[in-house]
């Protein structure tokens, strides 16, 4: 009912979130310091400036304790701590602590453009979402036989900063597949301690529910297994109709699929036709899903009409308990076989790699690269090149000579010449810019 004044009462927000965004910012590195030893009776004390501490990174860690991305919905920002600055007497700055963020097992991390950069599908897997910046070197680190009193130090490196899309794909042993109002929620409430919302209208289940089923007299390799009650499937879900991919992605990682066909007279299609549509939607979404163990069973056996539409397969009733023991036993047997197979190969469905490893798809930019910057000049990118010019005083002749030598060793001069740079062109490296003059 509308609230006073004609405004609508606020809708209660769901506690389950399977899509969110993350802004990860690594801590900045501390700056190195310029310092010289100054003590009584010590003539010409050498440089003793300490290094800055490294900034803390942002790490994502998969855990089975969480089942939702709820914590990222209102607070997507995560940041590592900055490193401390260096001090005299070669005292180095303190390293900034990492920000360790727990995410549910089964979290997929994508760039905002859609490319997958990490898949945390096993508990304990760690991935660095944003590395902290390295600390700058103090002037004591620039001491050489030719440079006896370096009067410059290095600035701290800025931490990485990224936006990501997070997507949760449930990790369940068994996924219940069926049309809306096929009895999935009632089934999971009977065989586990889960208590999903149950009603007699379509799309009662708007968010997935997980239930743990314990088997006392089943295969010893199982003991218990997880069943997912996910939103009902409609025809055209592979193209996004109904709840579309919001349902289908939670089926991807299930070991066993249980297809429920409605045997009640209120069903819109005969049982065989229901099975055909459901299996076809799975095939159109991901053909490899049809290779998973599949149990097809009729639900609502207590309300089945005479003949049940020609259905002669297994059936159950959550109301009377008919067939539940046999259904749970079939689930347990299939799960036991799939677990044994996964342990023997070291892989799971869709995971052809060694458990515990993380595949990072975003390359780390190293070295130096030259490209036109669109303003008539040139832009040099690369972590090593940007670090080479990150000194505290580039007007210092010693510092400028160091930068020139460092860029020459990185091949920046040759790269600029090959790219077609001419005398007088502006070259930008980070916030530093200079006019290019070819080496005589």
Protein backbone atom coordinates (compact mmCIF):
# COMPACT_ATOMS: atom_id res chain seq x y z
CA UNK A 1 0.00 0.00 0.00
CA UNK A 2 1.39 3.46 -0.84
CA UNK A 3 2.79 5.34 2.13
CA UNK A 4 1.37 8.63 3.38
CA UNK A 5 1.74 11.44 0.89
CA UNK A 6 1.46 9.12 -2.12
CA UNK A 7 5.07 7.88 -2.03
CA UNK A 8 5.72 4.18 -2.38
CA UNK A 9 7.20 2.34 0.60
CA UNK A 10 10.86 1.42 0.10
CA UNK A 11 11.43 -2.07 -1.20
CA UNK A 12 13.50 -4.37 0.94
CA UNK A 13 16.81 -5.02 -0.73
CA UNK A 14 17.98 -8.55 -1.28
CA UNK A 15 20.80 -9.88 0.85
CA UNK A 16 22.18 -11.90 -2.07
CA UNK A 17 24.32 -10.05 -4.62
CA UNK A 18 26.02 -11.93 -7.45
CA UNK A 19 27.20 -8.91 -9.50
CA UNK A 20 29.20 -5.97 -8.16
CA UNK A 21 32.08 -3.66 -8.97
CA UNK A 22 35.44 -3.22 -7.29
CA UNK A 23 37.73 -0.19 -7.33
CA UNK A 24 41.18 -1.37 -6.21
CA UNK A 25 43.95 1.12 -5.45
CA UNK A 26 47.37 -0.01 -4.34
CA UNK A 27 49.18 2.09 -1.79
CA UNK A 28 51.81 4.58 -2.99
CA UNK A 29 55.44 3.87 -2.27
CA UNK A 30 57.29 6.09 0.17
CA UNK A 31 59.89 8.56 -1.07
CA UNK A 32 63.62 8.08 -0.66
CA UNK A 33 65.46 10.80 1.20
CA UNK A 34 68.58 12.87 0.54
CA UNK A 35 70.78 12.81 3.63
CA UNK A 36 74.48 12.93 4.46
CA UNK A 37 76.27 11.67 7.51
CA UNK A 38 76.92 14.56 9.86
CA UNK A 39 78.83 13.70 13.02
CA UNK A 40 81.55 15.30 15.01
CA UNK A 41 85.06 14.26 14.00
CA UNK A 42 83.73 12.63 10.79
CA UNK A 43 85.03 14.52 7.80
CA UNK A 44 83.14 14.35 4.53
CA UNK A 45 80.44 11.95 5.74
CA UNK A 46 78.95 10.04 2.86
CA UNK A 47 75.29 9.78 1.74
CA UNK A 48 73.05 7.90 4.15
CA UNK A 49 69.52 8.55 2.88
CA UNK A 50 67.19 5.60 3.43
CA UNK A 51 64.71 4.05 0.98
CA UNK A 52 60.96 4.54 1.07
CA UNK A 53 58.74 1.59 1.97
CA UNK A 54 56.66 -0.24 -0.63
CA UNK A 55 52.93 0.45 -0.75
CA UNK A 56 50.46 -2.27 0.20
CA UNK A 57 48.60 -4.14 -2.50
CA UNK A 58 44.94 -5.16 -2.74
CA UNK A 59 44.51 -8.93 -2.64
CA UNK A 60 41.35 -10.94 -3.28
CA UNK A 61 41.15 -14.25 -1.43
CA UNK A 62 38.48 -16.87 -2.16
CA UNK A 63 36.71 -18.32 0.85
CA UNK A 64 33.83 -20.71 1.40
CA UNK A 65 32.62 -18.64 4.37
CA UNK A 66 30.94 -16.10 2.06
CA UNK A 67 28.15 -16.75 -0.41
CA UNK A 68 27.42 -13.24 -1.74
CA UNK A 69 29.13 -10.08 -3.03
CA UNK A 70 26.95 -7.99 -0.74
CA UNK A 71 29.87 -6.14 0.87
CA UNK A 72 30.85 -4.62 -2.50
CA UNK A 73 27.39 -3.27 -3.37
CA UNK A 74 27.56 -0.12 -1.27
CA UNK A 75 31.33 0.04 -0.72
CA UNK A 76 33.28 -0.96 -3.84
CA UNK A 77 36.45 0.92 -2.85
CA UNK A 78 39.42 -1.02 -1.45
CA UNK A 79 42.84 0.51 -0.89
CA UNK A 80 46.25 -0.63 0.28
CA UNK A 81 48.22 1.48 2.75
CA UNK A 82 50.98 3.86 1.63
CA UNK A 83 54.60 3.10 2.40
CA UNK A 84 56.59 5.23 4.81
CA UNK A 85 59.24 7.71 3.69
CA UNK A 86 62.92 7.02 4.14
CA UNK A 87 65.01 8.83 6.75
CA UNK A 88 68.62 9.66 7.40
CA UNK A 89 71.15 7.17 8.78
CA UNK A 90 69.91 4.69 6.16
CA UNK A 91 66.62 4.16 7.96
CA UNK A 92 64.11 2.73 5.49
CA UNK A 93 60.41 3.56 5.47
CA UNK A 94 57.87 1.07 6.74
CA UNK A 95 56.12 -1.11 4.17
CA UNK A 96 52.39 -0.40 3.86
CA UNK A 97 50.23 -3.38 4.86
CA UNK A 98 48.22 -5.14 2.15
CA UNK A 99 44.44 -4.95 2.03
CA UNK A 100 43.25 -8.58 2.02
CA UNK A 101 39.64 -8.82 0.83
CA UNK A 102 37.68 -12.04 1.09
CA UNK A 103 35.35 -12.92 -1.79
CA UNK A 104 33.05 -15.93 -2.21
CA UNK A 105 34.45 -19.05 -3.80
CA UNK A 106 33.49 -18.95 -7.48
CA UNK A 107 34.08 -15.21 -8.02
CA UNK A 108 35.05 -14.21 -11.56
CA UNK A 109 36.94 -10.92 -12.00
CA UNK A 110 36.57 -9.03 -15.26
CA UNK A 111 37.91 -5.80 -16.67
CA UNK A 112 35.19 -3.21 -17.23
CA UNK A 113 35.43 -4.06 -20.93
CA UNK A 114 34.37 -7.63 -20.20
CA UNK A 115 37.64 -9.59 -20.43
CA UNK A 116 38.24 -12.15 -17.66
CA UNK A 117 41.41 -11.45 -15.67
CA UNK A 118 41.00 -13.95 -12.85
CA UNK A 119 38.78 -16.83 -11.75
CA UNK A 120 38.86 -17.61 -8.02
CA UNK A 121 37.09 -20.95 -8.06
CA UNK A 122 38.82 -22.71 -5.14
CA UNK A 123 39.09 -21.74 -1.46
CA UNK A 124 42.38 -20.10 -0.53
CA UNK A 125 43.20 -18.84 -4.01
CA UNK A 126 44.75 -15.35 -3.95
CA UNK A 127 45.04 -12.72 -6.65
CA UNK A 128 46.49 -9.22 -6.57
CA UNK A 129 43.89 -6.78 -7.91
CA UNK A 130 46.17 -3.74 -7.54
CA UNK A 131 49.87 -3.84 -6.70
CA UNK A 132 51.34 -1.30 -4.36
CA UNK A 133 53.95 1.14 -5.64
CA UNK A 134 57.60 0.46 -4.99
CA UNK A 135 59.38 2.71 -2.55
CA UNK A 136 61.87 5.26 -3.86
CA UNK A 137 65.59 4.80 -3.30
CA UNK A 138 67.48 7.14 -1.03
CA UNK A 139 70.60 8.92 -2.18
CA UNK A 140 72.81 6.29 -0.52
CA UNK A 141 71.72 3.88 -3.27
CA UNK A 142 73.11 6.15 -6.02
CA UNK A 143 76.64 6.21 -4.67
CA UNK A 144 79.25 5.16 -7.29
CA UNK A 145 82.99 5.61 -7.79
CA UNK A 146 82.28 8.57 -10.05
CA UNK A 147 79.32 9.95 -8.07
CA UNK A 148 80.68 10.31 -4.56
CA UNK A 149 78.05 12.69 -3.17
CA UNK A 150 74.68 12.10 -4.91
CA UNK A 151 72.30 14.90 -3.99
CA UNK A 152 69.13 13.37 -5.38
CA UNK A 153 66.76 10.58 -4.41
CA UNK A 154 63.91 8.68 -5.98
CA UNK A 155 60.23 9.40 -5.46
CA UNK A 156 57.87 6.61 -4.48
CA UNK A 157 55.97 4.84 -7.23
CA UNK A 158 52.21 5.29 -7.36
CA UNK A 159 50.14 2.19 -6.67
CA UNK A 160 48.10 0.56 -9.40
CA UNK A 161 44.47 1.58 -9.75
CA UNK A 162 41.79 -0.49 -11.50
CA UNK A 163 38.04 -0.87 -11.79
CA UNK A 164 36.71 -4.43 -12.07
CA UNK A 165 33.40 -6.19 -12.55
CA UNK A 166 32.86 -9.02 -10.07
CA UNK A 167 30.55 -11.91 -10.95
CA UNK A 168 29.68 -14.80 -8.68
CA UNK A 169 29.05 -18.25 -10.08
CA UNK A 170 27.79 -20.56 -7.36
CA UNK A 171 29.88 -23.61 -6.52
CA UNK A 172 27.32 -26.38 -5.92
CA UNK A 173 27.42 -30.13 -6.34
CA UNK A 174 23.85 -30.33 -7.66
CA UNK A 175 21.80 -27.70 -9.50
CA UNK A 176 18.00 -27.98 -9.72
CA UNK A 177 16.79 -27.08 -13.21
CA UNK A 178 13.13 -26.53 -13.96
CA UNK A 179 10.44 -24.12 -15.04
CA UNK A 180 9.12 -21.55 -12.56
CA UNK A 181 6.87 -23.11 -9.94
CA UNK A 182 8.14 -26.63 -10.71
CA UNK A 183 8.75 -27.40 -7.04
CA UNK A 184 12.50 -26.71 -6.73
CA UNK A 185 12.22 -24.57 -3.60
CA UNK A 186 9.93 -27.05 -1.87
CA UNK A 187 12.31 -29.89 -2.71
CA UNK A 188 15.38 -28.16 -1.28
CA UNK A 189 13.43 -27.25 1.87
CA UNK A 190 12.60 -30.95 2.39
CA UNK A 191 16.06 -32.42 1.83
CA UNK A 192 18.16 -29.69 3.51
CA UNK A 193 17.95 -26.97 6.14
CA UNK A 194 17.52 -24.23 3.52
CA UNK A 195 14.28 -22.25 3.80
CA UNK A 196 13.63 -20.47 0.51
CA UNK A 197 10.43 -18.54 -0.14
CA UNK A 198 7.71 -20.88 -1.40
CA UNK A 199 4.49 -19.82 -3.16
CA UNK A 200 2.31 -20.89 -6.08
CA UNK A 201 3.23 -18.16 -8.55
CA UNK A 202 6.12 -18.01 -11.05
CA UNK A 203 9.51 -16.57 -10.08
CA UNK A 204 9.03 -17.03 -6.35
CA UNK A 205 12.79 -17.69 -6.27
CA UNK A 206 14.48 -14.47 -7.35
CA UNK A 207 17.86 -15.35 -5.90
CA UNK A 208 19.78 -18.64 -5.55
CA UNK A 209 19.64 -20.67 -2.37
CA UNK A 210 22.14 -23.25 -1.24
CA UNK A 211 21.24 -26.23 0.91
CA UNK A 212 23.54 -28.84 2.44
CA UNK A 213 22.19 -32.40 2.16
CA UNK A 214 23.66 -34.94 4.59
CA UNK A 215 23.62 -38.61 3.63
CA UNK A 216 23.98 -40.98 6.59
CA UNK A 217 23.79 -44.31 4.78
CA UNK A 218 25.00 -43.32 1.32
CA UNK A 219 28.46 -43.54 -0.24
CA UNK A 220 31.20 -42.78 2.26
CA UNK A 221 32.90 -40.52 -0.30
CA UNK A 222 29.98 -38.09 -0.16
CA UNK A 223 28.82 -37.64 3.42
CA UNK A 224 27.19 -34.36 2.44
CA UNK A 225 26.77 -32.34 -0.72
CA UNK A 226 25.49 -28.90 -1.71
CA UNK A 227 22.31 -28.39 -3.73
CA UNK A 228 21.52 -25.08 -5.45
CA UNK A 229 17.93 -23.89 -5.82
CA UNK A 230 18.19 -21.25 -8.52
CA UNK A 231 15.60 -19.09 -10.28
CA UNK A 232 13.28 -20.92 -12.67
CA UNK A 233 14.18 -21.31 -16.31
CA UNK A 234 11.92 -20.09 -19.12
CA UNK A 235 12.03 -20.76 -22.82
CA UNK A 236 14.49 -18.32 -24.41
CA UNK A 237 16.62 -17.96 -21.26
CA UNK A 238 19.79 -18.55 -23.31
CA UNK A 239 18.99 -15.26 -25.07
CA UNK A 240 18.28 -13.49 -21.77
CA UNK A 241 14.51 -13.93 -21.44
CA UNK A 242 13.05 -14.13 -17.95
CA UNK A 243 15.92 -14.19 -15.48
CA UNK A 244 18.11 -15.39 -18.33
CA UNK A 245 21.81 -15.54 -17.61
CA UNK A 246 21.21 -14.61 -13.97
CA UNK A 247 20.05 -18.23 -13.66
CA UNK A 248 22.22 -20.01 -16.17
CA UNK A 249 25.60 -18.86 -14.90
CA UNK A 250 24.88 -20.52 -11.54
CA UNK A 251 24.51 -23.87 -13.33
CA UNK A 252 27.93 -23.73 -15.01
CA UNK A 253 29.95 -25.14 -12.12
CA UNK A 254 27.56 -27.75 -10.79
CA UNK A 255 28.74 -31.35 -10.95
CA UNK A 256 25.27 -32.84 -11.43
CA UNK A 257 22.09 -31.42 -12.99
CA UNK A 258 18.66 -32.47 -11.72
CA UNK A 259 15.94 -31.59 -14.25
CA UNK A 260 12.48 -31.27 -12.69
CA UNK A 261 9.41 -31.71 -14.89
CA UNK A 262 6.03 -30.73 -13.46
CA UNK A 263 3.52 -33.62 -13.42
CA UNK A 264 0.58 -31.57 -12.10
CA UNK A 265 -2.42 -30.79 -14.34
CA UNK A 266 -1.57 -27.06 -14.06
CA UNK A 267 1.65 -27.46 -16.06
CA UNK A 268 1.60 -25.66 -19.40
CA UNK A 269 3.37 -28.49 -21.26
CA UNK A 270 3.47 -32.29 -21.04
CA UNK A 271 6.46 -33.61 -19.05
CA UNK A 272 8.37 -34.78 -22.12
CA UNK A 273 7.98 -31.37 -23.78
CA UNK A 274 9.22 -29.66 -20.59
CA UNK A 275 12.32 -31.82 -20.59
CA UNK A 276 12.98 -31.03 -24.25
CA UNK A 277 12.77 -27.26 -23.73
CA UNK A 278 14.94 -27.29 -20.59
CA UNK A 279 17.66 -29.44 -22.14
CA UNK A 280 17.63 -27.30 -25.30
CA UNK A 281 18.12 -24.10 -23.28
CA UNK A 282 21.11 -25.63 -21.53
CA UNK A 283 22.56 -26.70 -24.88
CA UNK A 284 22.11 -23.24 -26.42
CA UNK A 285 23.74 -21.55 -23.43
CA UNK A 286 26.71 -23.92 -23.08
CA UNK A 287 26.75 -27.16 -25.08
CA UNK A 288 29.20 -28.79 -22.66
CA UNK A 289 26.49 -28.73 -19.94
CA UNK A 290 24.85 -31.66 -21.71
CA UNK A 291 27.93 -33.73 -20.88
CA UNK A 292 27.27 -33.41 -17.13
CA UNK A 293 25.47 -36.21 -15.27
CA UNK A 294 21.77 -35.46 -15.55
CA UNK A 295 18.89 -36.81 -13.49
CA UNK A 296 15.42 -36.19 -14.95
CA UNK A 297 12.60 -36.63 -12.44
CA UNK A 298 8.91 -35.73 -12.24
CA UNK A 299 7.83 -33.42 -9.40
CA UNK A 300 4.46 -33.02 -7.64
CA UNK A 301 3.66 -36.71 -7.94
CA UNK A 302 0.86 -36.27 -5.38
CA UNK A 303 -0.99 -33.95 -7.79
CA UNK A 304 -0.21 -35.86 -10.98
CA UNK A 305 -3.14 -36.43 -13.28
CA UNK A 306 -4.07 -39.88 -14.52
CA UNK A 307 -1.31 -41.05 -16.80
CA UNK A 308 0.77 -37.98 -15.89
CA UNK A 309 1.04 -36.99 -19.53
CA UNK A 310 2.66 -40.27 -20.47
CA UNK A 311 5.50 -39.85 -17.97
CA UNK A 312 6.95 -43.20 -16.92
CA UNK A 313 10.22 -41.99 -15.39
CA UNK A 314 11.08 -41.52 -11.71
CA UNK A 315 8.93 -39.13 -9.71
CA UNK A 316 8.71 -37.64 -6.24
CA UNK A 317 6.42 -35.60 -4.03
CA UNK A 318 7.80 -33.06 -1.57
CA UNK A 319 4.39 -33.02 0.13
CA UNK A 320 4.06 -36.75 0.88
CA UNK A 321 7.75 -37.69 0.73
CA UNK A 322 7.21 -40.22 -2.06
CA UNK A 323 10.44 -40.91 -3.98
CA UNK A 324 12.62 -38.48 -1.97
CA UNK A 325 14.89 -41.19 -0.58
CA UNK A 326 15.56 -42.61 -4.04
CA UNK A 327 16.16 -39.12 -5.50
CA UNK A 328 18.64 -38.14 -2.78
CA UNK A 329 20.41 -41.48 -3.24
CA UNK A 330 20.73 -40.90 -6.98
CA UNK A 331 22.14 -37.42 -6.35
CA UNK A 332 24.66 -38.78 -3.84
CA UNK A 333 25.82 -41.55 -6.19
CA UNK A 334 26.36 -39.08 -9.07
CA UNK A 335 28.18 -36.59 -6.85
CA UNK A 336 30.46 -39.34 -5.49
CA UNK A 337 31.42 -40.43 -9.01
CA UNK A 338 32.08 -36.85 -10.14
CA UNK A 339 34.20 -36.06 -7.10
CA UNK A 340 36.27 -39.20 -7.61
CA UNK A 341 36.75 -38.30 -11.28
CA UNK A 342 37.78 -34.72 -10.43
CA UNK A 343 40.32 -35.92 -7.87
CA UNK A 344 41.79 -38.34 -10.36
CA UNK A 345 42.32 -35.70 -13.05
CA UNK A 346 43.02 -32.69 -10.83
CA UNK A 347 40.41 -30.65 -12.68
CA UNK A 348 36.78 -29.76 -12.35
CA UNK A 349 34.13 -28.77 -14.87
CA UNK A 350 35.52 -25.94 -16.96
CA UNK A 351 38.83 -25.83 -14.98
CA UNK A 352 41.60 -27.53 -16.97
CA UNK A 353 44.45 -26.43 -14.71
CA UNK A 354 46.26 -27.38 -11.54
CA UNK A 355 44.27 -26.56 -8.39
CA UNK A 356 45.59 -23.57 -6.50
CA UNK A 357 47.03 -21.77 -9.52
CA UNK A 358 45.70 -18.45 -10.75
CA UNK A 359 45.63 -17.60 -14.44
CA UNK A 360 46.20 -13.87 -14.94
CA UNK A 361 45.14 -12.62 -18.34
CA UNK A 362 46.32 -9.01 -17.93
CA UNK A 363 49.95 -8.68 -19.06
CA UNK A 364 52.35 -6.74 -16.87
CA UNK A 365 53.79 -3.77 -18.76
CA UNK A 366 57.57 -3.71 -18.42
CA UNK A 367 60.44 -2.08 -20.29
CA UNK A 368 59.59 0.92 -22.47
CA UNK A 369 57.29 1.51 -25.44
CA UNK A 370 57.07 4.59 -27.67
CA UNK A 371 53.92 5.85 -29.40
CA UNK A 372 52.57 9.17 -30.73
CA UNK A 373 50.64 11.02 -28.04
CA UNK A 374 48.19 12.82 -30.36
CA UNK A 375 49.57 16.29 -29.51
CA UNK A 376 52.41 16.26 -32.01
CA UNK A 377 54.80 14.64 -29.57
CA UNK A 378 55.68 11.22 -28.23
CA UNK A 379 54.65 9.26 -25.14
CA UNK A 380 57.00 6.75 -23.55
CA UNK A 381 55.25 4.15 -21.39
CA UNK A 382 56.54 1.34 -19.25
CA UNK A 383 57.21 0.87 -15.57
CA UNK A 384 61.00 0.98 -15.87
CA UNK A 385 60.99 4.17 -17.96
CA UNK A 386 58.56 5.94 -15.65
CA UNK A 387 60.61 4.94 -12.63
CA UNK A 388 63.80 6.24 -14.26
CA UNK A 389 62.48 9.83 -14.29
CA UNK A 390 60.84 9.69 -10.83
CA UNK A 391 63.55 11.68 -9.08
CA UNK A 392 62.99 14.45 -6.57
CA UNK A 393 65.04 17.10 -8.42
CA UNK A 394 65.52 16.84 -12.16
CA UNK A 395 67.23 20.22 -12.28
CA UNK A 396 70.18 18.65 -10.49
CA UNK A 397 72.95 17.96 -13.06
CA UNK A 398 73.83 14.65 -11.42
CA UNK A 399 70.18 13.57 -11.46
CA UNK A 400 69.76 14.59 -15.10
CA UNK A 401 72.88 12.67 -16.11
CA UNK A 402 71.53 9.60 -14.29
CA UNK A 403 68.19 9.86 -16.13
CA UNK A 404 69.86 10.16 -19.52
CA UNK A 405 72.04 7.15 -18.90
CA UNK A 406 69.16 5.08 -17.57
CA UNK A 407 66.89 5.85 -20.55
CA UNK A 408 69.74 5.07 -22.93
CA UNK A 409 70.23 1.65 -21.34
CA UNK A 410 66.48 0.97 -21.61
CA UNK A 411 66.67 1.64 -25.36
CA UNK A 412 64.40 4.70 -25.32
CA UNK A 413 66.66 6.73 -27.63
CA UNK A 414 66.76 3.94 -30.22
CA UNK A 415 62.99 3.43 -29.96
CA UNK A 416 62.34 7.14 -30.53
CA UNK A 417 64.64 7.17 -33.56
CA UNK A 418 62.95 4.09 -35.05
CA UNK A 419 59.51 5.65 -34.44
CA UNK A 420 60.52 8.73 -36.47
CA UNK A 421 61.09 11.31 -33.72
CA UNK A 422 62.80 14.49 -34.90
CA UNK A 423 64.87 17.14 -33.20
CA UNK A 424 62.67 19.40 -31.09
CA UNK A 425 59.78 16.92 -30.68
CA UNK A 426 58.30 16.86 -27.18
CA UNK A 427 58.70 13.52 -25.38
CA UNK A 428 56.59 12.76 -22.28
CA UNK A 429 57.36 10.11 -19.68
CA UNK A 430 54.84 10.18 -16.87
CA UNK A 431 54.66 13.81 -15.72
CA UNK A 432 58.16 14.56 -17.08
CA UNK A 433 58.66 16.02 -20.55
CA UNK A 434 61.69 17.11 -22.57
CA UNK A 435 62.66 18.02 -26.12
CA UNK A 436 64.18 15.22 -28.14
CA UNK A 437 67.65 15.68 -29.55
CA UNK A 438 69.14 12.76 -31.47
CA UNK A 439 72.48 11.46 -30.30
CA UNK A 440 75.23 12.90 -32.51
